[in-house]
Amino acid sequence: MWAAIKVPSNIHGGIIHYNYSSKNGNSSSFVRGRKSLVKMCFTSDQHVQLIQNTPSIDALPIMVNGCTGKMGRAVLEASISAGLQPVSVCFSGPGDAGKIVEVSGKEITVHGPSDRENILSSVFEEHPNLIVVDYTVPAAVNDNAELYCKVGVPFVMGTTGGDREKLYKTVADSKVYAVISPQMGKQVVAFLAAMEIMSEQFPGAFSGYTLQVMESHQASKLDTSGTAKAVISCFQKLGVSFDLDEVQLIRDPKQQVEMVGVPEEHLLGHAFHMYHLTSPDGTVSFEFQHNVCGRSIYAEGTVDATLFLAKKVKLKEEKRIYDMIDVLREGNMR
């Protein structure tokens, strides 16, 4: 029997009131919501200034390349909901060139591969604090990264695939700001980080245990999940003998509903992962499970990565490749 651990796709914080009093009795207060710090009022003989290190969300322009796809559109919707401002153009494949994407009353013109450098340079010149988000296709990863690096625009790469070694070398050599992560779900990344820490600090802790792995994704995903591969690698370091070809891939919609418990409305977009460990004598078992329905967890994580990168740019911190672990360690996420 599998034990389910539900991971929230988004956490909406309430409003917190902060009050400060000076020595002469005067006070100041402001409200912290989930988007920004808003100063309400203060009276004091001394000048008090509240400094917000993160850039103004409402003033942050974003270009979501690949917004004609389901993931790109989800990121675009989450960005608008968070107060970011999408620019009026984006890039996609040649088949989408000329399309108009409308989200929340905003129209975005889709451009194909031709003349991308001039278009991006022009947009970056008009919006010098621009952040590009890439959710295109694996075949476009390396060419897109080379374009962003050539123009010098900071970018968040959520697209998987491509030549990853070449990708990292291209970005490292160009010295641009970038967040690159094949997994943008904050809570999933935190789980993976915890597994990695456990495997490093307690190698062999599960020696002799047997492992069963079942993962369910939409039928269009034919390969084994990268997240599952990462978790299995940690279990192997913990002493478990397991080969990737032992993973049970569930891609049949009927099995996904009846056996795995995937809601029918999420058959076209979900990620259910289950890991079951059993001791050699069968008297002890451990179960891990993380279920994701829809794409909001990845979209919200991408928005946090975008804000994180914008802060690095504003504070003129080191130009390098960051990942979602860096975003998580920064804290102060929405």
Protein backbone atom coordinates (compact mmCIF):
# COMPACT_ATOMS: atom_id res chain seq x y z
CA MET A 1 0.00 0.00 0.00
CA TRP A 2 1.40 3.35 -1.03
CA ALA A 3 1.46 6.24 1.44
CA ALA A 4 0.63 9.53 -0.27
CA ILE A 5 2.36 12.77 0.62
CA LYS A 6 0.57 15.71 -0.94
CA VAL A 7 2.75 18.56 -2.11
CA PRO A 8 0.94 21.93 -2.35
CA SER A 9 1.27 23.60 -5.74
CA ASN A 10 1.29 27.06 -4.22
CA ILE A 11 1.21 28.58 -0.76
CA HIS A 12 -0.66 31.82 -0.42
CA GLY A 13 0.46 33.76 2.62
CA GLY A 14 -1.79 36.08 4.54
CA ILE A 15 -1.13 39.73 5.25
CA ILE A 16 1.20 40.58 8.11
CA HIS A 17 1.30 43.97 9.77
CA TYR A 18 4.65 45.22 11.10
CA ASN A 19 4.89 48.12 13.54
CA TYR A 20 8.01 49.98 14.60
CA SER A 21 8.34 52.59 17.34
CA SER A 22 11.12 55.15 17.61
CA LYS A 23 12.55 56.45 20.86
CA ASN A 24 10.36 59.55 20.74
CA GLY A 25 7.21 57.48 20.47
CA ASN A 26 6.57 57.95 16.80
CA SER A 27 5.89 54.82 14.79
CA SER A 28 5.85 53.41 11.34
CA SER A 29 4.02 50.49 9.88
CA PHE A 30 3.80 48.58 6.68
CA VAL A 31 2.00 45.55 5.38
CA ARG A 32 3.71 42.54 3.93
CA GLY A 33 1.64 40.61 1.44
CA ARG A 34 2.75 37.75 -0.75
CA LYS A 35 3.87 40.06 -3.59
CA SER A 36 5.67 42.99 -2.07
CA LEU A 37 6.29 45.25 0.87
CA VAL A 38 3.98 48.26 0.87
CA LYS A 39 4.81 51.17 3.15
CA MET A 40 1.67 52.60 4.76
CA CYS A 41 2.70 55.56 6.92
CA PHE A 42 5.21 56.85 9.45
CA THR A 43 5.93 59.99 11.41
CA SER A 44 9.30 60.58 13.03
CA ASP A 45 11.84 63.35 13.63
CA GLN A 46 14.34 61.12 11.94
CA HIS A 47 14.14 60.15 8.29
CA VAL A 48 13.27 56.48 8.02
CA GLN A 49 13.75 54.63 4.79
CA LEU A 50 12.60 51.13 4.05
CA ILE A 51 14.83 49.39 1.54
CA GLN A 52 13.47 46.52 -0.50
CA ASN A 53 16.27 44.55 -2.08
CA THR A 54 14.14 42.71 -4.58
CA PRO A 55 13.12 44.56 -7.75
CA SER A 56 9.63 45.96 -8.12
CA ILE A 57 7.52 43.09 -9.38
CA ASP A 58 5.17 45.40 -11.23
CA ALA A 59 8.10 46.87 -13.17
CA LEU A 60 9.78 43.60 -14.11
CA PRO A 61 9.45 42.75 -17.83
CA ILE A 62 9.51 39.10 -18.82
CA MET A 63 9.68 37.30 -22.16
CA VAL A 64 8.33 33.75 -22.07
CA ASN A 65 9.64 31.89 -25.09
CA GLY A 66 7.54 28.87 -25.94
CA CYS A 67 4.35 30.36 -24.52
CA THR A 68 2.36 28.60 -27.26
CA GLY A 69 2.98 25.35 -25.35
CA LYS A 70 1.16 24.24 -22.21
CA MET A 71 4.09 24.81 -19.87
CA GLY A 72 5.00 28.17 -21.38
CA ARG A 73 1.43 29.37 -21.16
CA ALA A 74 1.19 28.23 -17.52
CA VAL A 75 4.32 30.27 -16.73
CA LEU A 76 2.91 33.26 -18.56
CA GLU A 77 -0.34 33.07 -16.57
CA ALA A 78 1.52 32.68 -13.27
CA SER A 79 3.81 35.61 -14.13
CA ILE A 80 0.90 37.90 -14.90
CA SER A 81 -0.89 36.78 -11.73
CA ALA A 82 2.26 37.64 -9.73
CA GLY A 83 2.41 41.12 -11.25
CA LEU A 84 5.20 40.66 -13.78
CA GLN A 85 4.85 42.39 -17.13
CA PRO A 86 5.19 40.23 -20.27
CA VAL A 87 6.64 42.03 -23.27
CA SER A 88 4.64 42.01 -26.49
CA VAL A 89 6.82 39.49 -28.36
CA CYS A 90 8.20 35.99 -27.83
CA PHE A 91 9.92 33.20 -29.77
CA SER A 92 8.70 29.76 -30.73
CA GLY A 93 9.09 27.26 -33.55
CA PRO A 94 8.57 28.13 -37.23
CA GLY A 95 5.10 26.59 -37.15
CA ASP A 96 3.94 29.15 -34.59
CA ALA A 97 5.39 32.24 -36.27
CA GLY A 98 2.82 34.98 -36.67
CA LYS A 99 0.44 33.66 -34.01
CA ILE A 100 -1.00 35.98 -31.37
CA VAL A 101 -1.14 34.60 -27.85
CA GLU A 102 -3.67 36.33 -25.61
CA VAL A 103 -3.45 35.85 -21.85
CA SER A 104 -5.29 37.96 -19.27
CA GLY A 105 -6.02 40.62 -21.87
CA LYS A 106 -2.40 40.88 -23.00
CA GLU A 107 -1.47 40.08 -26.61
CA ILE A 108 1.91 38.59 -27.48
CA THR A 109 3.16 38.20 -31.05
CA VAL A 110 5.03 34.96 -31.69
CA HIS A 111 8.16 35.09 -33.88
CA GLY A 112 9.89 32.14 -35.49
CA PRO A 113 13.65 31.52 -35.78
CA SER A 114 14.30 34.27 -38.35
CA ASP A 115 15.74 37.61 -37.20
CA ARG A 116 15.60 36.58 -33.54
CA GLU A 117 18.84 38.32 -32.59
CA ASN A 118 17.68 41.74 -33.82
CA ILE A 119 14.30 41.33 -32.15
CA LEU A 120 15.76 40.25 -28.81
CA SER A 121 18.41 42.99 -28.88
CA SER A 122 15.73 45.59 -29.55
CA VAL A 123 13.52 44.34 -26.71
CA PHE A 124 16.49 44.17 -24.33
CA GLU A 125 17.48 47.72 -25.23
CA GLU A 126 13.93 48.92 -24.55
CA HIS A 127 13.69 46.88 -21.32
CA PRO A 128 17.19 46.70 -19.77
CA ASN A 129 15.88 44.75 -16.75
CA LEU A 130 14.33 42.07 -18.97
CA ILE A 131 14.37 38.41 -17.88
CA VAL A 132 13.84 35.74 -20.53
CA VAL A 133 12.17 32.45 -19.61
CA ASP A 134 12.64 29.47 -21.93
CA TYR A 135 10.08 26.66 -22.18
CA THR A 136 10.58 25.68 -25.79
CA VAL A 137 11.67 22.21 -27.02
CA PRO A 138 14.81 20.13 -26.36
CA ALA A 139 16.07 20.60 -29.93
CA ALA A 140 16.14 24.40 -29.42
CA VAL A 141 17.93 24.46 -26.05
CA ASN A 142 21.47 25.03 -27.28
CA ASP A 143 20.66 27.51 -30.06
CA ASN A 144 18.45 29.52 -27.72
CA ALA A 145 21.11 29.60 -24.99
CA GLU A 146 23.69 30.79 -27.51
CA LEU A 147 21.33 33.59 -28.56
CA TYR A 148 20.68 34.74 -24.98
CA CYS A 149 24.39 34.67 -24.21
CA LYS A 150 25.30 36.58 -27.36
CA VAL A 151 22.79 39.33 -26.57
CA GLY A 152 23.73 39.20 -22.87
CA VAL A 153 20.20 38.91 -21.54
CA PRO A 154 19.62 37.10 -18.20
CA PHE A 155 17.49 34.00 -18.62
CA VAL A 156 15.74 31.15 -16.84
CA MET A 157 15.97 27.83 -18.69
CA GLY A 158 13.25 25.35 -17.75
CA THR A 159 13.44 23.39 -21.00
CA THR A 160 14.88 19.91 -20.61
CA GLY A 161 17.02 18.01 -23.08
CA GLY A 162 19.56 19.27 -25.57
CA ASP A 163 23.30 18.90 -25.09
CA ARG A 164 23.50 19.80 -21.41
CA GLU A 165 27.30 19.78 -21.25
CA LYS A 166 27.44 22.20 -24.17
CA LEU A 167 24.67 24.29 -22.60
CA TYR A 168 26.56 24.77 -19.34
CA LYS A 169 29.82 25.51 -21.10
CA THR A 170 28.19 28.09 -23.37
CA VAL A 171 26.63 29.93 -20.46
CA ALA A 172 29.68 29.68 -18.20
CA ASP A 173 31.97 31.04 -20.91
CA SER A 174 29.66 33.96 -21.70
CA LYS A 175 29.38 35.21 -18.09
CA VAL A 176 25.66 35.95 -18.15
CA TYR A 177 23.11 35.62 -15.36
CA ALA A 178 21.13 32.40 -15.69
CA VAL A 179 19.02 29.95 -13.72
CA ILE A 180 19.10 26.52 -15.33
CA SER A 181 17.07 23.67 -13.88
CA PRO A 182 15.21 20.76 -15.43
CA GLN A 183 13.00 20.68 -12.31
CA MET A 184 11.32 23.94 -11.32
CA GLY A 185 8.95 22.59 -8.68
CA LYS A 186 10.28 24.13 -5.46
CA GLN A 187 8.98 21.45 -3.12
CA VAL A 188 10.18 18.63 -5.39
CA VAL A 189 13.62 20.23 -5.55
CA ALA A 190 13.67 20.47 -1.76
CA PHE A 191 12.79 16.77 -1.53
CA LEU A 192 15.57 15.89 -3.98
CA ALA A 193 18.04 17.99 -2.00
CA ALA A 194 17.06 16.19 1.22
CA MET A 195 17.57 12.83 -0.50
CA GLU A 196 20.98 13.92 -1.76
CA ILE A 197 22.04 15.05 1.72
CA MET A 198 20.89 11.76 3.23
CA SER A 199 22.75 9.72 0.61
CA GLU A 200 25.95 11.69 1.14
CA GLN A 201 25.90 11.62 4.93
CA PHE A 202 24.61 8.06 5.44
CA PRO A 203 26.01 5.95 2.58
CA GLY A 204 24.90 2.33 2.74
CA ALA A 205 22.14 3.02 5.28
CA PHE A 206 19.68 0.93 3.25
CA SER A 207 22.09 -1.82 2.20
CA GLY A 208 20.23 -5.06 1.45
CA TYR A 209 16.86 -3.36 1.02
CA THR A 210 14.89 -3.95 -2.17
CA LEU A 211 13.36 -1.03 -4.06
CA GLN A 212 10.21 -0.77 -6.14
CA VAL A 213 9.67 2.36 -8.23
CA MET A 214 6.48 3.31 -10.05
CA GLU A 215 6.05 6.59 -11.90
CA SER A 216 3.09 7.86 -13.88
CA HIS A 217 3.15 10.68 -16.40
CA GLN A 218 0.98 11.74 -19.32
CA ALA A 219 1.06 9.25 -22.20
CA SER A 220 3.16 11.60 -24.35
CA LYS A 221 6.14 11.19 -21.98
CA LEU A 222 7.83 8.00 -23.12
CA ASP A 223 11.07 8.10 -21.12
CA THR A 224 11.74 7.69 -17.41
CA SER A 225 11.39 10.88 -15.41
CA GLY A 226 14.61 12.74 -14.63
CA THR A 227 13.34 13.26 -11.09
CA ALA A 228 12.89 9.52 -10.63
CA LYS A 229 16.40 8.92 -11.95
CA ALA A 230 17.81 11.41 -9.42
CA VAL A 231 15.97 9.79 -6.51
CA ILE A 232 17.05 6.31 -7.61
CA SER A 233 20.66 7.51 -7.76
CA CYS A 234 20.36 8.60 -4.11
CA PHE A 235 18.94 5.21 -3.09
CA GLN A 236 21.83 3.51 -4.88
CA LYS A 237 24.28 5.59 -2.83
CA LEU A 238 22.33 4.48 0.24
CA GLY A 239 23.20 0.88 -0.63
CA VAL A 240 20.17 -0.24 -2.65
CA SER A 241 20.79 -2.33 -5.77
CA PHE A 242 18.44 -1.14 -8.52
CA ASP A 243 18.59 -0.74 -12.30
CA LEU A 244 16.70 1.97 -14.18
CA ASP A 245 15.02 -0.57 -16.42
CA GLU A 246 13.22 -1.88 -13.31
CA VAL A 247 11.15 1.32 -13.04
CA GLN A 248 7.49 0.63 -13.69
CA LEU A 249 6.31 3.27 -16.16
CA ILE A 250 2.55 3.83 -16.10
CA ARG A 251 1.38 5.52 -19.29
CA ASP A 252 -1.99 3.86 -19.87
CA PRO A 253 -4.79 6.25 -18.86
CA LYS A 254 -7.00 3.46 -17.51
CA GLN A 255 -4.22 2.19 -15.23
CA GLN A 256 -3.40 5.72 -14.20
CA VAL A 257 -6.96 6.28 -12.97
CA GLU A 258 -7.70 2.85 -11.49
CA MET A 259 -4.31 1.75 -10.17
CA VAL A 260 -2.42 4.98 -9.48
CA GLY A 261 -5.32 7.27 -8.60
CA VAL A 262 -4.67 10.08 -11.06
CA PRO A 263 -7.72 12.37 -11.39
CA GLU A 264 -9.14 12.10 -14.90
CA GLU A 265 -8.89 15.86 -15.44
CA HIS A 266 -5.11 15.61 -15.00
CA LEU A 267 -4.36 12.66 -17.25
CA LEU A 268 -2.77 15.02 -19.78
CA GLY A 269 -0.53 16.69 -17.20
CA HIS A 270 0.65 14.96 -14.02
CA ALA A 271 3.67 13.41 -12.30
CA PHE A 272 3.07 10.69 -9.70
CA HIS A 273 6.21 9.09 -8.23
CA MET A 274 6.20 6.20 -5.74
CA TYR A 275 9.21 4.56 -4.06
CA HIS A 276 8.86 1.48 -1.82
CA LEU A 277 11.76 0.04 0.21
CA THR A 278 11.62 -3.35 1.94
CA SER A 279 14.13 -4.84 4.39
CA PRO A 280 15.83 -8.17 3.60
CA ASP A 281 13.58 -10.11 6.00
CA GLY A 282 10.44 -8.26 4.92
CA THR A 283 9.66 -6.89 8.39
CA VAL A 284 10.44 -3.23 7.67
CA SER A 285 9.29 -0.99 4.84
CA PHE A 286 9.68 2.66 3.89
CA GLU A 287 7.49 4.50 1.40
CA PHE A 288 8.02 7.82 -0.35
CA GLN A 289 5.55 9.42 -2.74
CA HIS A 290 5.10 12.79 -4.39
CA ASN A 291 2.11 13.52 -6.60
CA VAL A 292 1.83 16.54 -8.87
CA CYS A 293 -1.33 17.37 -10.81
CA GLY A 294 -1.14 20.03 -13.48
CA ARG A 295 1.71 22.46 -14.08
CA SER A 296 1.17 25.18 -11.48
CA ILE A 297 3.95 23.93 -9.17
CA TYR A 298 6.49 24.35 -11.99
CA ALA A 299 5.06 27.67 -13.14
CA GLU A 300 5.15 29.16 -9.64
CA GLY A 301 8.70 27.91 -9.15
CA THR A 302 9.69 29.54 -12.43
CA VAL A 303 8.29 32.87 -11.26
CA ASP A 304 10.35 32.59 -8.07
CA ALA A 305 13.44 31.77 -10.14
CA THR A 306 12.75 34.83 -12.31
CA LEU A 307 12.47 37.12 -9.29
CA PHE A 308 15.59 35.56 -7.78
CA LEU A 309 17.56 36.23 -10.95
CA ALA A 310 16.25 39.79 -11.23
CA LYS A 311 17.50 40.42 -7.69
CA LYS A 312 20.97 39.07 -8.57
CA VAL A 313 21.10 41.40 -11.56
CA LYS A 314 19.92 44.42 -9.57
CA LEU A 315 22.44 43.84 -6.79
CA LYS A 316 25.19 43.20 -9.38
CA GLU A 317 26.08 39.90 -7.80
CA GLU A 318 28.19 37.27 -9.51
CA LYS A 319 27.29 36.47 -13.10
CA ARG A 320 27.06 32.70 -13.14
CA ILE A 321 24.75 29.74 -13.57
CA TYR A 322 22.34 29.38 -10.66
CA ASP A 323 19.92 26.52 -10.05
CA MET A 324 16.75 25.93 -8.04
CA ILE A 325 18.79 24.96 -4.98
CA ASP A 326 20.19 28.50 -5.02
CA VAL A 327 16.66 29.86 -5.31
CA LEU A 328 15.50 27.76 -2.35
CA ARG A 329 18.47 28.76 -0.21
CA GLU A 330 17.75 32.42 -0.86
CA GLY A 331 14.40 32.05 0.91
CA ASN A 332 11.74 34.76 0.90
CA MET A 333 9.77 33.01 -1.84
CA ARG A 334 6.14 33.86 -2.38
